[in-house]
Structure formats: C-alpha cells, structure tokens
Amino acid sequence: MAVRVLGIHCSPQAAYLTVIEDGAVLSGLRERLLPPAGLETGEGLLECIREVRRVLGQTGVDRVALLLTEANSSPSTERTVLETLIRVAAAEEGTPVELVARPTVRSRLGLPKSGSLGSHVARAAGPKSGHHWNEGRGLAAMAAKAVTS
C-alpha cells in the first residue's frame, strides 16, 4: 500500500505544500496555502484551520511532514502561528505530523552538510513540479521524502 505524505514548508507569508506518494511528487493538488487576512483574530485563526483540514481531506494523506526552520535562526511569529495552526488542524483530522529538522532531512536523503538545504533541492526533491517550487515546495518535497525514507 502506497504511503501518501504532505510535505509542508512554512514562511511568514505562506505554507508551501507538496504531496509525495511512492517517492514521486503528485501534481494537480493544492500547492500553497495563504493565511487569511486577519489571522490575528479568532475568525482568521478558525478559517486557517478549516482550510488546512480541507487540504488534508482533499489530498488523502496518511501523514504530514512539517519542515522546521534552520537551527541557528528563530522563526517569525507569523511562521510559528501558521505551523501551529497546521498542527492543530492535522490533530483534528487525526493525521499524524512529523516535525522534521533540517539535519534529519540531510541525513535521511544522504545530502552533504555543506550549503543551505535549499541548494540541494534539485538533487533531492526531483524535477521541478508545478508552481512555487523555488519558494518552498521543493523544500516541502524534501521533508516528505525524508519521512518516507
């Protein structure tokens, strides 16, 4: 049975999404989630959770791989909020979430320790697929592949 994993890489502006099944990127699925306006309000928070739950339902994933920020940098408040809402939505859907550290991605995918993780996207994530690949979907693919390795 094929395992389907949703890789997610968050920035302060968006969550970049890539679904991997049997090591291959699936196309035609949602590629990015933009937080709703007013995320600092209760309704904005709830709308974001609802949207993540929709994505989880539409993609039919078995689990989520959430790529963590670089160890030597602290994530922005916006990124932290977005990552937390994704985790809450996944918990509500009963979808396990694995928080994937960048050194773990490097180790599991056999990548060198030198260079940024993003510099290894072409080698480890496979060919460019869809939109927003360089903004974060390539990194999301690497996280998803790392949890299936």
C-alpha atoms as a PDB file:
ATOM      1  CA  MET A   1       0.000   0.000   0.000  1.00  0.00           C
ATOM      2  CA  ALA A   2       1.372   3.376  -1.021  1.00  0.00           C
ATOM      3  CA  VAL A   3       2.052   5.948   1.665  1.00  0.00           C
ATOM      4  CA  ARG A   4       0.994   9.481   0.821  1.00  0.00           C
ATOM      5  CA  VAL A   5       2.753  12.284   2.693  1.00  0.00           C
ATOM      6  CA  LEU A   6       2.065  16.002   2.644  1.00  0.00           C
ATOM      7  CA  GLY A   7       5.319  17.918   2.963  1.00  0.00           C
ATOM      8  CA  ILE A   8       4.960  21.463   4.254  1.00  0.00           C
ATOM      9  CA  HIS A   9       7.467  24.296   4.376  1.00  0.00           C
ATOM     10  CA  CYS A  10       6.193  27.483   6.018  1.00  0.00           C
ATOM     11  CA  SER A  11       7.342  31.022   5.523  1.00  0.00           C
ATOM     12  CA  PRO A  12       5.803  34.067   7.210  1.00  0.00           C
ATOM     13  CA  GLN A  13       3.663  34.598   4.089  1.00  0.00           C
ATOM     14  CA  ALA A  14       2.551  31.082   3.091  1.00  0.00           C
ATOM     15  CA  ALA A  15       2.650  27.353   3.656  1.00  0.00           C
ATOM     16  CA  TYR A  16       4.096  25.576   0.629  1.00  0.00           C
ATOM     17  CA  LEU A  17       2.630  22.135   0.038  1.00  0.00           C
ATOM     18  CA  THR A  18       3.890  19.083  -1.837  1.00  0.00           C
ATOM     19  CA  VAL A  19       2.329  15.622  -1.780  1.00  0.00           C
ATOM     20  CA  ILE A  20       4.629  12.627  -2.248  1.00  0.00           C
ATOM     21  CA  GLU A  21       3.445   9.095  -2.993  1.00  0.00           C
ATOM     22  CA  ASP A  22       5.890   6.260  -3.590  1.00  0.00           C
ATOM     23  CA  GLY A  23       8.700   8.812  -3.733  1.00  0.00           C
ATOM     24  CA  ALA A  24       7.099  10.819  -6.537  1.00  0.00           C
ATOM     25  CA  VAL A  25       5.567  14.291  -6.427  1.00  0.00           C
ATOM     26  CA  LEU A  26       1.861  14.247  -7.236  1.00  0.00           C
ATOM     27  CA  SER A  27       0.692  17.044  -9.484  1.00  0.00           C
ATOM     28  CA  GLY A  28      -2.642  18.785  -9.711  1.00  0.00           C
ATOM     29  CA  LEU A  29      -3.025  19.244  -5.948  1.00  0.00           C
ATOM     30  CA  ARG A  30      -3.005  22.387  -3.829  1.00  0.00           C
ATOM     31  CA  GLU A  31       0.481  23.906  -3.872  1.00  0.00           C
ATOM     32  CA  ARG A  32       0.273  26.787  -1.427  1.00  0.00           C
ATOM     33  CA  LEU A  33      -1.844  27.945   1.470  1.00  0.00           C
ATOM     34  CA  LEU A  34      -2.043  31.666   2.117  1.00  0.00           C
ATOM     35  CA  PRO A  35      -3.172  32.581   5.614  1.00  0.00           C
ATOM     36  CA  PRO A  36      -6.441  34.513   5.602  1.00  0.00           C
ATOM     37  CA  ALA A  37      -6.468  38.233   6.282  1.00  0.00           C
ATOM     38  CA  GLY A  38      -6.943  38.948   9.946  1.00  0.00           C
ATOM     39  CA  LEU A  39      -5.076  35.874  11.120  1.00  0.00           C
ATOM     40  CA  GLU A  40      -4.554  37.602  14.456  1.00  0.00           C
ATOM     41  CA  THR A  41      -8.305  37.463  15.109  1.00  0.00           C
ATOM     42  CA  GLY A  42     -10.292  34.468  16.279  1.00  0.00           C
ATOM     43  CA  GLU A  43     -12.174  34.118  12.990  1.00  0.00           C
ATOM     44  CA  GLY A  44      -8.950  34.251  10.955  1.00  0.00           C
ATOM     45  CA  LEU A  45      -7.445  31.504  13.091  1.00  0.00           C
ATOM     46  CA  LEU A  46     -10.505  29.307  12.656  1.00  0.00           C
ATOM     47  CA  GLU A  47     -10.621  29.907   8.891  1.00  0.00           C
ATOM     48  CA  CYS A  48      -6.990  28.872   8.566  1.00  0.00           C
ATOM     49  CA  ILE A  49      -7.651  25.655  10.497  1.00  0.00           C
ATOM     50  CA  ARG A  50     -10.695  24.915   8.299  1.00  0.00           C
ATOM     51  CA  GLU A  51      -8.631  25.465   5.152  1.00  0.00           C
ATOM     52  CA  VAL A  52      -5.855  23.142   6.318  1.00  0.00           C
ATOM     53  CA  ARG A  53      -8.467  20.500   7.159  1.00  0.00           C
ATOM     54  CA  ARG A  54      -9.897  20.873   3.622  1.00  0.00           C
ATOM     55  CA  VAL A  55      -6.439  20.359   2.147  1.00  0.00           C
ATOM     56  CA  LEU A  56      -5.887  17.262   4.282  1.00  0.00           C
ATOM     57  CA  GLY A  57      -9.236  15.841   3.212  1.00  0.00           C
ATOM     58  CA  GLN A  58      -8.705  16.605  -0.483  1.00  0.00           C
ATOM     59  CA  THR A  59      -5.197  15.157  -0.617  1.00  0.00           C
ATOM     60  CA  GLY A  60      -5.988  11.993   1.350  1.00  0.00           C
ATOM     61  CA  VAL A  61      -2.570  11.958   3.000  1.00  0.00           C
ATOM     62  CA  ASP A  62      -1.510   9.432   5.627  1.00  0.00           C
ATOM     63  CA  ARG A  63       0.699  11.926   7.447  1.00  0.00           C
ATOM     64  CA  VAL A  64       2.256  15.368   7.348  1.00  0.00           C
ATOM     65  CA  ALA A  65       5.962  16.222   7.309  1.00  0.00           C
ATOM     66  CA  LEU A  66       6.468  19.753   8.615  1.00  0.00           C
ATOM     67  CA  LEU A  67       9.937  21.137   7.870  1.00  0.00           C
ATOM     68  CA  LEU A  68      11.377  23.078  10.768  1.00  0.00           C
ATOM     69  CA  THR A  69      13.351  26.287  10.438  1.00  0.00           C
ATOM     70  CA  GLU A  70      17.149  26.399  10.422  1.00  0.00           C
ATOM     71  CA  ALA A  71      18.580  25.569  13.848  1.00  0.00           C
ATOM     72  CA  ASN A  72      20.559  28.822  14.028  1.00  0.00           C
ATOM     73  CA  SER A  73      17.586  31.084  13.287  1.00  0.00           C
ATOM     74  CA  SER A  74      14.415  31.758  15.169  1.00  0.00           C
ATOM     75  CA  PRO A  75      11.158  31.548  13.222  1.00  0.00           C
ATOM     76  CA  SER A  76       8.992  34.613  12.807  1.00  0.00           C
ATOM     77  CA  THR A  77       5.810  34.897  14.825  1.00  0.00           C
ATOM     78  CA  GLU A  78       3.771  34.520  11.624  1.00  0.00           C
ATOM     79  CA  ARG A  79       5.537  31.292  10.705  1.00  0.00           C
ATOM     80  CA  THR A  80       5.129  29.911  14.217  1.00  0.00           C
ATOM     81  CA  VAL A  81       1.403  30.697  14.209  1.00  0.00           C
ATOM     82  CA  LEU A  82       0.945  29.087  10.775  1.00  0.00           C
ATOM     83  CA  GLU A  83       2.851  25.945  11.784  1.00  0.00           C
ATOM     84  CA  THR A  84       0.815  25.681  14.987  1.00  0.00           C
ATOM     85  CA  LEU A  85      -2.490  26.020  13.140  1.00  0.00           C
ATOM     86  CA  ILE A  86      -1.404  23.311  10.695  1.00  0.00           C
ATOM     87  CA  ARG A  87      -0.630  21.012  13.618  1.00  0.00           C
ATOM     88  CA  VAL A  88      -3.991  21.742  15.263  1.00  0.00           C
ATOM     89  CA  ALA A  89      -5.865  21.047  12.001  1.00  0.00           C
ATOM     90  CA  ALA A  90      -3.968  17.792  11.489  1.00  0.00           C
ATOM     91  CA  ALA A  91      -4.736  16.732  15.055  1.00  0.00           C
ATOM     92  CA  GLU A  92      -8.421  17.443  14.473  1.00  0.00           C
ATOM     93  CA  GLU A  93      -8.297  15.283  11.340  1.00  0.00           C
ATOM     94  CA  GLY A  94      -6.370  12.512  13.095  1.00  0.00           C
ATOM     95  CA  THR A  95      -3.440  12.929  10.711  1.00  0.00           C
ATOM     96  CA  PRO A  96      -0.033  12.380  12.321  1.00  0.00           C
ATOM     97  CA  VAL A  97       2.502  15.190  11.957  1.00  0.00           C
ATOM     98  CA  GLU A  98       6.235  14.635  11.985  1.00  0.00           C
ATOM     99  CA  LEU A  99       8.316  17.720  12.723  1.00  0.00           C
ATOM    100  CA  VAL A 100      11.349  17.287  10.506  1.00  0.00           C
ATOM    101  CA  ALA A 101      14.601  19.015  11.398  1.00  0.00           C
ATOM    102  CA  ARG A 102      16.823  20.022   8.504  1.00  0.00           C
ATOM    103  CA  PRO A 103      19.741  17.834   9.663  1.00  0.00           C
ATOM    104  CA  THR A 104      17.311  14.894   9.632  1.00  0.00           C
ATOM    105  CA  VAL A 105      16.392  15.655   6.014  1.00  0.00           C
ATOM    106  CA  ARG A 106      20.080  15.781   5.102  1.00  0.00           C
ATOM    107  CA  SER A 107      20.800  12.508   6.886  1.00  0.00           C
ATOM    108  CA  ARG A 108      17.834  10.532   5.553  1.00  0.00           C
ATOM    109  CA  LEU A 109      18.310  11.768   1.979  1.00  0.00           C
ATOM    110  CA  GLY A 110      22.093  11.359   2.001  1.00  0.00           C
ATOM    111  CA  LEU A 111      22.806  15.047   1.450  1.00  0.00           C
ATOM    112  CA  PRO A 112      26.045  16.844   2.298  1.00  0.00           C
ATOM    113  CA  LYS A 113      26.191  19.030   5.394  1.00  0.00           C
ATOM    114  CA  SER A 114      27.562  21.947   3.411  1.00  0.00           C
ATOM    115  CA  GLY A 115      25.390  24.544   1.712  1.00  0.00           C
ATOM    116  CA  SER A 116      21.847  25.515   2.551  1.00  0.00           C
ATOM    117  CA  LEU A 117      19.194  22.834   2.401  1.00  0.00           C
ATOM    118  CA  GLY A 118      17.634  24.756  -0.477  1.00  0.00           C
ATOM    119  CA  SER A 119      20.812  24.365  -2.508  1.00  0.00           C
ATOM    120  CA  HIS A 120      20.141  20.605  -2.649  1.00  0.00           C
ATOM    121  CA  VAL A 121      16.532  20.750  -3.864  1.00  0.00           C
ATOM    122  CA  ALA A 122      17.319  19.784  -7.481  1.00  0.00           C
ATOM    123  CA  ARG A 123      19.282  16.754  -6.310  1.00  0.00           C
ATOM    124  CA  ALA A 124      16.957  15.503  -3.558  1.00  0.00           C
ATOM    125  CA  ALA A 125      13.421  16.610  -4.427  1.00  0.00           C
ATOM    126  CA  GLY A 126      13.390  15.588  -8.054  1.00  0.00           C
ATOM    127  CA  PRO A 127      12.460  17.663 -11.069  1.00  0.00           C
ATOM    128  CA  LYS A 128      10.610  20.924 -10.652  1.00  0.00           C
ATOM    129  CA  SER A 129       6.874  20.375 -10.376  1.00  0.00           C
ATOM    130  CA  GLY A 130       4.135  22.971 -10.590  1.00  0.00           C
ATOM    131  CA  HIS A 131       4.374  26.468  -9.214  1.00  0.00           C
ATOM    132  CA  HIS A 132       6.250  27.877  -6.202  1.00  0.00           C
ATOM    133  CA  TRP A 133       8.926  25.165  -6.363  1.00  0.00           C
ATOM    134  CA  ASN A 134      11.787  27.526  -5.618  1.00  0.00           C
ATOM    135  CA  GLU A 135       9.821  29.473  -2.989  1.00  0.00           C
ATOM    136  CA  GLY A 136       9.312  26.436  -0.799  1.00  0.00           C
ATOM    137  CA  ARG A 137       7.599  23.498  -2.475  1.00  0.00           C
ATOM    138  CA  GLY A 138      10.948  21.866  -3.258  1.00  0.00           C
ATOM    139  CA  LEU A 139      11.832  22.013   0.438  1.00  0.00           C
ATOM    140  CA  ALA A 140       8.388  20.601   1.305  1.00  0.00           C
ATOM    141  CA  ALA A 141       9.050  17.708  -1.083  1.00  0.00           C
ATOM    142  CA  MET A 142      12.361  17.006   0.629  1.00  0.00           C
ATOM    143  CA  ALA A 143      10.660  16.896   4.041  1.00  0.00           C
ATOM    144  CA  ALA A 144       8.020  14.485   2.734  1.00  0.00           C
ATOM    145  CA  LYS A 145      10.648  12.240   1.139  1.00  0.00           C
ATOM    146  CA  ALA A 146      12.655  12.253   4.367  1.00  0.00           C
ATOM    147  CA  VAL A 147       9.775  10.778   6.366  1.00  0.00           C
ATOM    148  CA  THR A 148       9.224   8.034   3.799  1.00  0.00           C
ATOM    149  CA  SER A 149      12.905   7.049   3.554  1.00  0.00           C
END
